[in-house]
């Protein structure tokens, strides 16, 4: 029996009890049944990412107690739109390095942004060092008007309105790493080898950029991992090193490094021991990173709008440990001193890494 038939049956039973003395079934008024059917015809199930039905009801009496601290509202991804409080003025253009095919689109884009749209354009200082740019006459007229920065020394926080990436997925990951707090909206053009995160084509870039500037673009919110690296101290009396904190878009990999032995990693979820991993390491990834290293290690792909963290073992010694998905923070404790964090933090072999804590970061990356 489907939901519509069930509602009609309940209406029939309720009306029969009301019209019959002593609770025995009696004739049902046709007008009431018609009203019930008309109401059901206008019933539409709203879209929800939490469950097939958004109705928080279990049977005729059961309800979910509303708790604002625990209930998380998830919007339909198609309903999220970009809005500007004021017209955007500054744009950061990130291009794929050491790729001659990106130079012509890069020059065409910055020329249009500077001269036609009168915007302040930021580029990396290393981009201007490319000698091949001198072959483009249009670039000479805008070179002096470009703002430069260096990723290792300059801070772009609260200086960039939105970002344009020219390249592949690696270019977008680099743009995300430049912002360790809130990330401006990212518009990624597919001009590289991998295009999981770069949906825009460069053929009609003027029209697509104008949609973003005018606030007519849809958003795909992507969460990042906040990785806190705590280094183990040999002497508790000495001053402990400050923890290293970094945000990553794809994943954090805890592996055995140069050691020929298996690594033993205890996995904790909110302080509770889940399992022990014996193998080459562990991959903790976001839904965005589920299409990267995790899927190559045998994990499943997760939609970027799903609020989850995926934990995937790397060549586990035990066949019983399979990739798992957790909803909140994950705490990893290493039983060996030669475990390293690759990709997220530059850890030298033999470093004194003792604990890695990972949690989902809010606000998420906007694209």
Protein backbone atom coordinates (compact mmCIF):
# COMPACT_ATOMS: atom_id res chain seq x y z
CA UNK A 1 0.00 0.00 0.00
CA UNK A 2 1.41 3.38 -0.99
CA UNK A 3 1.21 6.51 1.13
CA UNK A 4 -1.81 7.97 -0.69
CA UNK A 5 -3.89 4.81 -0.22
CA UNK A 6 -2.87 4.69 3.43
CA UNK A 7 -4.07 8.25 4.04
CA UNK A 8 -7.42 7.52 2.36
CA UNK A 9 -7.87 4.40 4.47
CA UNK A 10 -7.16 6.33 7.67
CA UNK A 11 -9.65 9.02 6.65
CA UNK A 12 -12.30 6.37 5.98
CA UNK A 13 -11.74 4.73 9.37
CA UNK A 14 -11.81 8.04 11.25
CA UNK A 15 -15.00 9.17 9.53
CA UNK A 16 -16.67 5.84 10.18
CA UNK A 17 -15.97 6.07 13.92
CA UNK A 18 -17.35 9.60 14.05
CA UNK A 19 -20.60 8.80 12.21
CA UNK A 20 -21.40 5.50 13.93
CA UNK A 21 -22.69 5.19 17.52
CA UNK A 22 -20.65 2.92 19.73
CA UNK A 23 -17.73 2.97 17.36
CA UNK A 24 -19.29 0.54 14.85
CA UNK A 25 -18.71 1.20 11.14
CA UNK A 26 -21.36 3.29 9.44
CA UNK A 27 -22.01 5.08 6.17
CA UNK A 28 -19.40 7.61 5.07
CA UNK A 29 -20.36 10.98 3.72
CA UNK A 30 -19.21 11.36 0.13
CA UNK A 31 -18.40 15.02 0.56
CA UNK A 32 -15.70 14.36 3.17
CA UNK A 33 -14.10 11.63 1.08
CA UNK A 34 -14.01 13.99 -1.89
CA UNK A 35 -12.22 16.59 0.22
CA UNK A 36 -9.62 14.04 1.31
CA UNK A 37 -8.96 12.93 -2.27
CA UNK A 38 -8.68 16.53 -3.47
CA UNK A 39 -6.21 17.27 -0.72
CA UNK A 40 -4.12 14.23 -1.63
CA UNK A 41 -4.00 15.27 -5.26
CA UNK A 42 -2.31 18.52 -4.25
CA UNK A 43 0.13 16.70 -1.94
CA UNK A 44 3.73 16.91 -3.15
CA UNK A 45 6.67 15.39 -1.35
CA UNK A 46 9.30 18.07 -0.77
CA UNK A 47 12.91 17.40 -1.65
CA UNK A 48 15.16 16.40 1.20
CA UNK A 49 18.72 15.16 1.55
CA UNK A 50 18.18 13.73 5.01
CA UNK A 51 15.67 11.01 4.17
CA UNK A 52 13.08 10.05 1.54
CA UNK A 53 10.45 11.96 3.52
CA UNK A 54 11.03 15.20 5.47
CA UNK A 55 8.09 14.43 7.82
CA UNK A 56 9.55 13.95 11.31
CA UNK A 57 6.83 11.51 12.41
CA UNK A 58 6.94 7.85 13.39
CA UNK A 59 3.50 6.25 13.53
CA UNK A 60 0.46 8.03 14.99
CA UNK A 61 2.19 9.06 18.23
CA UNK A 62 5.96 9.15 17.70
CA UNK A 63 7.69 12.44 16.99
CA UNK A 64 11.28 13.68 16.85
CA UNK A 65 12.09 16.10 19.63
CA UNK A 66 13.38 19.30 18.06
CA UNK A 67 16.79 20.34 19.29
CA UNK A 68 18.42 23.31 17.60
CA UNK A 69 21.86 22.17 18.76
CA UNK A 70 21.58 18.79 17.04
CA UNK A 71 19.35 19.33 14.02
CA UNK A 72 21.30 20.29 10.89
CA UNK A 73 19.42 21.84 7.98
CA UNK A 74 20.61 20.76 4.53
CA UNK A 75 19.35 22.68 1.53
CA UNK A 76 18.81 21.34 -1.92
CA UNK A 77 22.11 21.96 -3.79
CA UNK A 78 20.22 23.31 -6.81
CA UNK A 79 18.64 26.08 -4.70
CA UNK A 80 21.90 27.70 -3.54
CA UNK A 81 22.70 30.86 -5.47
CA UNK A 82 25.51 33.40 -5.30
CA UNK A 83 24.63 36.86 -3.97
CA UNK A 84 26.85 39.97 -3.74
CA UNK A 85 26.37 42.55 -1.00
CA UNK A 86 28.15 45.03 -3.28
CA UNK A 87 29.62 44.78 -6.80
CA UNK A 88 32.82 42.68 -6.81
CA UNK A 89 36.01 44.59 -7.52
CA UNK A 90 39.00 42.26 -7.05
CA UNK A 91 39.58 38.92 -8.74
CA UNK A 92 42.40 36.41 -8.31
CA UNK A 93 43.47 34.61 -11.49
CA UNK A 94 45.30 31.31 -10.92
CA UNK A 95 46.81 29.59 -13.96
CA UNK A 96 48.44 26.22 -14.42
CA UNK A 97 52.20 26.70 -14.26
CA UNK A 98 54.65 25.49 -16.90
CA UNK A 99 51.93 25.05 -19.50
CA UNK A 100 52.27 27.05 -22.71
CA UNK A 101 48.72 26.23 -23.79
CA UNK A 102 47.31 28.24 -20.86
CA UNK A 103 49.17 31.46 -21.77
CA UNK A 104 46.81 32.60 -24.56
CA UNK A 105 43.60 32.11 -22.50
CA UNK A 106 45.31 33.76 -19.51
CA UNK A 107 46.27 36.87 -21.47
CA UNK A 108 42.82 37.08 -23.05
CA UNK A 109 41.12 36.79 -19.65
CA UNK A 110 43.21 39.37 -17.75
CA UNK A 111 42.98 41.81 -20.67
CA UNK A 112 39.17 41.57 -20.60
CA UNK A 113 39.00 41.90 -16.80
CA UNK A 114 41.29 44.94 -16.65
CA UNK A 115 40.19 46.94 -19.70
CA UNK A 116 36.57 45.91 -20.25
CA UNK A 117 35.43 45.32 -16.67
CA UNK A 118 37.84 47.70 -14.84
CA UNK A 119 38.62 45.14 -12.15
CA UNK A 120 41.66 44.78 -9.90
CA UNK A 121 43.39 41.54 -10.95
CA UNK A 122 45.74 39.62 -8.65
CA UNK A 123 48.21 37.06 -10.04
CA UNK A 124 51.09 35.14 -8.54
CA UNK A 125 54.46 36.79 -8.89
CA UNK A 126 55.89 33.63 -10.45
CA UNK A 127 53.44 33.99 -13.36
CA UNK A 128 55.09 37.21 -14.56
CA UNK A 129 58.48 35.50 -14.64
CA UNK A 130 57.41 33.41 -17.63
CA UNK A 131 59.43 34.69 -20.60
CA UNK A 132 56.85 33.37 -23.09
CA UNK A 133 54.39 36.06 -22.00
CA UNK A 134 56.50 38.65 -23.77
CA UNK A 135 55.32 37.24 -27.10
CA UNK A 136 51.77 38.44 -26.42
CA UNK A 137 51.37 42.13 -27.19
CA UNK A 138 48.09 42.40 -25.29
CA UNK A 139 49.79 41.35 -22.07
CA UNK A 140 52.27 44.25 -22.17
CA UNK A 141 49.43 46.75 -21.88
CA UNK A 142 48.05 45.14 -18.72
CA UNK A 143 51.22 43.89 -17.04
CA UNK A 144 51.80 47.09 -15.09
CA UNK A 145 48.21 47.09 -13.81
CA UNK A 146 48.33 43.61 -12.32
CA UNK A 147 48.69 43.10 -8.57
CA UNK A 148 51.18 40.40 -7.59
CA UNK A 149 51.62 38.31 -4.46
CA UNK A 150 53.70 35.41 -3.17
CA UNK A 151 51.93 32.48 -1.57
CA UNK A 152 54.59 31.95 1.11
CA UNK A 153 54.68 35.53 2.40
CA UNK A 154 51.57 37.50 1.40
CA UNK A 155 48.14 37.08 2.98
CA UNK A 156 45.12 37.41 0.69
CA UNK A 157 42.48 37.22 3.42
CA UNK A 158 39.66 39.75 2.84
CA UNK A 159 41.33 41.04 -0.33
CA UNK A 160 39.77 38.83 -3.03
CA UNK A 161 36.12 38.88 -4.08
CA UNK A 162 36.25 35.77 -6.25
CA UNK A 163 38.75 33.46 -7.93
CA UNK A 164 39.15 32.29 -11.52
CA UNK A 165 41.22 29.16 -12.15
CA UNK A 166 42.69 28.20 -15.50
CA UNK A 167 43.84 24.59 -15.53
CA UNK A 168 42.77 21.30 -14.01
CA UNK A 169 41.89 19.99 -10.57
CA UNK A 170 45.40 20.66 -9.27
CA UNK A 171 45.02 24.35 -10.02
CA UNK A 172 41.83 24.53 -7.97
CA UNK A 173 43.47 22.65 -5.09
CA UNK A 174 46.30 25.17 -5.14
CA UNK A 175 43.82 28.05 -5.04
CA UNK A 176 42.09 26.47 -2.05
CA UNK A 177 45.39 26.14 -0.16
CA UNK A 178 46.03 29.89 -0.48
CA UNK A 179 43.10 30.61 1.85
CA UNK A 180 43.28 29.06 5.29
CA UNK A 181 40.08 30.75 6.44
CA UNK A 182 37.07 31.65 4.32
CA UNK A 183 37.50 30.88 0.62
CA UNK A 184 36.01 33.26 -1.96
CA UNK A 185 33.80 31.78 -4.69
CA UNK A 186 35.90 29.84 -7.18
CA UNK A 187 35.17 29.70 -10.90
CA UNK A 188 37.26 26.92 -12.47
CA UNK A 189 37.75 26.60 -16.24
CA UNK A 190 38.72 23.20 -17.56
CA UNK A 191 42.07 23.68 -19.27
CA UNK A 192 44.01 20.79 -17.73
CA UNK A 193 44.19 17.01 -17.81
CA UNK A 194 41.75 16.27 -14.93
CA UNK A 195 38.36 18.00 -14.80
CA UNK A 196 36.38 16.60 -11.86
CA UNK A 197 36.29 20.04 -10.20
CA UNK A 198 36.48 22.30 -13.27
CA UNK A 199 33.07 22.36 -15.00
CA UNK A 200 33.38 25.57 -17.07
CA UNK A 201 34.52 25.74 -20.68
CA UNK A 202 36.61 28.69 -21.82
CA UNK A 203 34.98 29.20 -25.23
CA UNK A 204 32.45 31.79 -23.99
CA UNK A 205 34.18 32.90 -20.79
CA UNK A 206 32.82 36.46 -21.04
CA UNK A 207 29.22 35.32 -20.72
CA UNK A 208 29.97 32.91 -17.88
CA UNK A 209 32.01 35.43 -15.89
CA UNK A 210 29.27 38.03 -16.34
CA UNK A 211 26.76 35.59 -14.81
CA UNK A 212 28.98 35.42 -11.74
CA UNK A 213 29.49 39.19 -11.56
CA UNK A 214 25.76 39.81 -11.82
CA UNK A 215 24.91 37.21 -9.16
CA UNK A 216 23.16 34.71 -11.44
CA UNK A 217 25.40 31.73 -10.71
CA UNK A 218 24.67 28.58 -8.74
CA UNK A 219 26.93 27.45 -5.90
CA UNK A 220 28.34 24.07 -5.01
CA UNK A 221 29.46 24.13 -1.38
CA UNK A 222 32.45 21.93 -0.60
CA UNK A 223 33.75 21.18 2.88
CA UNK A 224 37.42 21.03 3.83
CA UNK A 225 39.32 19.12 6.50
CA UNK A 226 40.95 20.99 9.35
CA UNK A 227 44.12 19.09 10.19
CA UNK A 228 45.82 19.79 13.52
CA UNK A 229 49.26 18.15 13.89
CA UNK A 230 50.49 17.78 17.47
CA UNK A 231 54.16 16.82 17.75
CA UNK A 232 55.12 14.44 20.50
CA UNK A 233 57.63 15.84 22.99
CA UNK A 234 60.34 13.65 24.54
CA UNK A 235 60.38 15.67 27.73
CA UNK A 236 57.15 16.99 29.17
CA UNK A 237 59.03 19.65 31.11
CA UNK A 238 60.31 21.34 27.96
CA UNK A 239 58.27 23.78 25.97
CA UNK A 240 56.02 21.88 23.62
CA UNK A 241 55.96 22.82 19.96
CA UNK A 242 52.90 24.64 18.76
CA UNK A 243 50.48 22.50 16.76
CA UNK A 244 50.35 22.97 13.01
CA UNK A 245 46.89 23.66 11.59
CA UNK A 246 46.05 23.52 7.92
CA UNK A 247 42.90 23.16 5.82
CA UNK A 248 42.83 20.69 2.93
CA UNK A 249 40.23 20.20 0.23
CA UNK A 250 40.90 16.61 -0.87
CA UNK A 251 42.36 14.41 1.82
CA UNK A 252 44.92 13.88 4.55
CA UNK A 253 47.05 10.75 4.24
CA UNK A 254 48.72 9.18 7.27
CA UNK A 255 51.23 6.61 6.01
CA UNK A 256 54.32 4.74 7.14
CA UNK A 257 56.71 6.99 5.23
CA UNK A 258 60.12 5.50 4.42
CA UNK A 259 59.78 2.70 7.00
CA UNK A 260 59.61 -0.84 5.56
CA UNK A 261 57.32 -1.97 8.40
CA UNK A 262 53.55 -1.82 8.62
CA UNK A 263 52.04 1.12 10.47
CA UNK A 264 49.65 0.61 13.38
CA UNK A 265 47.06 3.35 13.66
CA UNK A 266 44.33 3.55 16.26
CA UNK A 267 41.20 5.20 14.90
CA UNK A 268 39.06 7.23 17.32
CA UNK A 269 35.69 8.83 16.69
CA UNK A 270 34.89 11.58 19.20
CA UNK A 271 37.26 10.01 21.70
CA UNK A 272 35.91 6.46 21.30
CA UNK A 273 38.11 3.74 19.85
CA UNK A 274 36.70 2.41 16.57
CA UNK A 275 39.34 0.08 15.18
CA UNK A 276 43.06 -0.44 14.73
CA UNK A 277 44.52 -0.20 11.26
CA UNK A 278 47.54 -2.27 10.33
CA UNK A 279 48.79 -1.57 6.84
CA UNK A 280 50.49 1.08 4.74
CA UNK A 281 48.39 3.91 6.11
CA UNK A 282 45.06 5.65 6.19
CA UNK A 283 43.26 8.13 3.92
CA UNK A 284 40.87 10.63 5.52
CA UNK A 285 39.07 12.45 2.73
CA UNK A 286 36.26 14.89 2.10
CA UNK A 287 33.44 14.12 -0.38
CA UNK A 288 35.44 16.18 -2.87
CA UNK A 289 38.50 14.01 -2.24
CA UNK A 290 36.51 10.80 -2.60
CA UNK A 291 37.21 10.94 -6.35
CA UNK A 292 40.98 11.22 -5.79
CA UNK A 293 43.25 8.94 -3.76
CA UNK A 294 40.34 7.34 -1.89
CA UNK A 295 38.59 5.91 -4.95
CA UNK A 296 41.94 4.55 -6.19
CA UNK A 297 42.26 2.71 -2.86
CA UNK A 298 38.84 1.08 -3.27
CA UNK A 299 36.48 3.60 -1.66
CA UNK A 300 33.19 4.86 -3.05
CA UNK A 301 32.43 8.28 -4.48
CA UNK A 302 30.40 10.70 -2.35
CA UNK A 303 28.40 13.67 -3.61
CA UNK A 304 30.02 16.95 -2.47
CA UNK A 305 26.79 18.06 -0.79
CA UNK A 306 26.80 15.10 1.62
CA UNK A 307 28.22 16.18 5.02
CA UNK A 308 30.54 13.25 5.64
CA UNK A 309 34.16 12.21 6.07
CA UNK A 310 35.47 9.03 4.46
CA UNK A 311 38.12 6.86 6.12
CA UNK A 312 39.90 4.47 3.75
CA UNK A 313 42.73 2.08 4.67
CA UNK A 314 45.74 1.73 2.38
CA UNK A 315 46.53 -1.94 1.74
CA UNK A 316 45.23 -3.12 5.14
CA UNK A 317 46.66 -6.31 6.59
CA UNK A 318 43.19 -7.36 7.76
CA UNK A 319 40.56 -8.01 5.11
CA UNK A 320 37.78 -7.08 7.55
CA UNK A 321 38.49 -3.33 7.48
CA UNK A 322 36.70 -1.63 4.61
CA UNK A 323 36.21 2.09 3.86
CA UNK A 324 33.82 3.71 6.32
CA UNK A 325 31.92 7.00 6.32
CA UNK A 326 31.62 9.08 9.50
CA UNK A 327 29.54 12.23 10.02
CA UNK A 328 31.70 14.36 12.30
CA UNK A 329 35.21 14.71 13.75
CA UNK A 330 37.78 11.96 13.52
CA UNK A 331 40.77 11.60 15.83
CA UNK A 332 43.72 9.52 14.76
CA UNK A 333 46.45 8.34 17.14
CA UNK A 334 49.63 6.76 15.86
CA UNK A 335 51.38 3.97 17.74
CA UNK A 336 54.63 4.57 15.85
CA UNK A 337 56.87 7.58 15.71
CA UNK A 338 57.69 7.32 12.00
CA UNK A 339 54.13 8.00 10.81
CA UNK A 340 53.96 11.07 8.61
CA UNK A 341 51.25 13.31 7.16
CA UNK A 342 51.73 13.63 3.42
CA UNK A 343 50.11 16.32 1.32
CA UNK A 344 48.76 18.34 4.25
CA UNK A 345 51.93 19.21 6.19
CA UNK A 346 55.57 18.95 5.14
CA UNK A 347 56.75 16.32 7.62
CA UNK A 348 60.33 15.11 7.28
CA UNK A 349 61.11 11.39 7.65
CA UNK A 350 61.64 10.51 11.29
CA UNK A 351 59.68 13.47 12.62
CA UNK A 352 58.11 13.30 16.06
CA UNK A 353 54.48 13.25 14.97
CA UNK A 354 52.30 11.84 17.70
CA UNK A 355 48.66 12.71 17.00
CA UNK A 356 46.64 13.92 14.04
CA UNK A 357 43.16 15.32 14.58
CA UNK A 358 40.79 15.89 11.69
CA UNK A 359 37.46 17.67 11.71
CA UNK A 360 35.06 19.13 9.14
CA UNK A 361 35.56 22.86 8.60
CA UNK A 362 32.80 25.48 8.38
CA UNK A 363 32.37 27.64 6.33
CA UNK A 364 32.97 25.32 3.39
CA UNK A 365 34.64 26.08 0.11
CA UNK A 366 32.37 27.76 -2.39
CA UNK A 367 32.59 27.15 -6.08
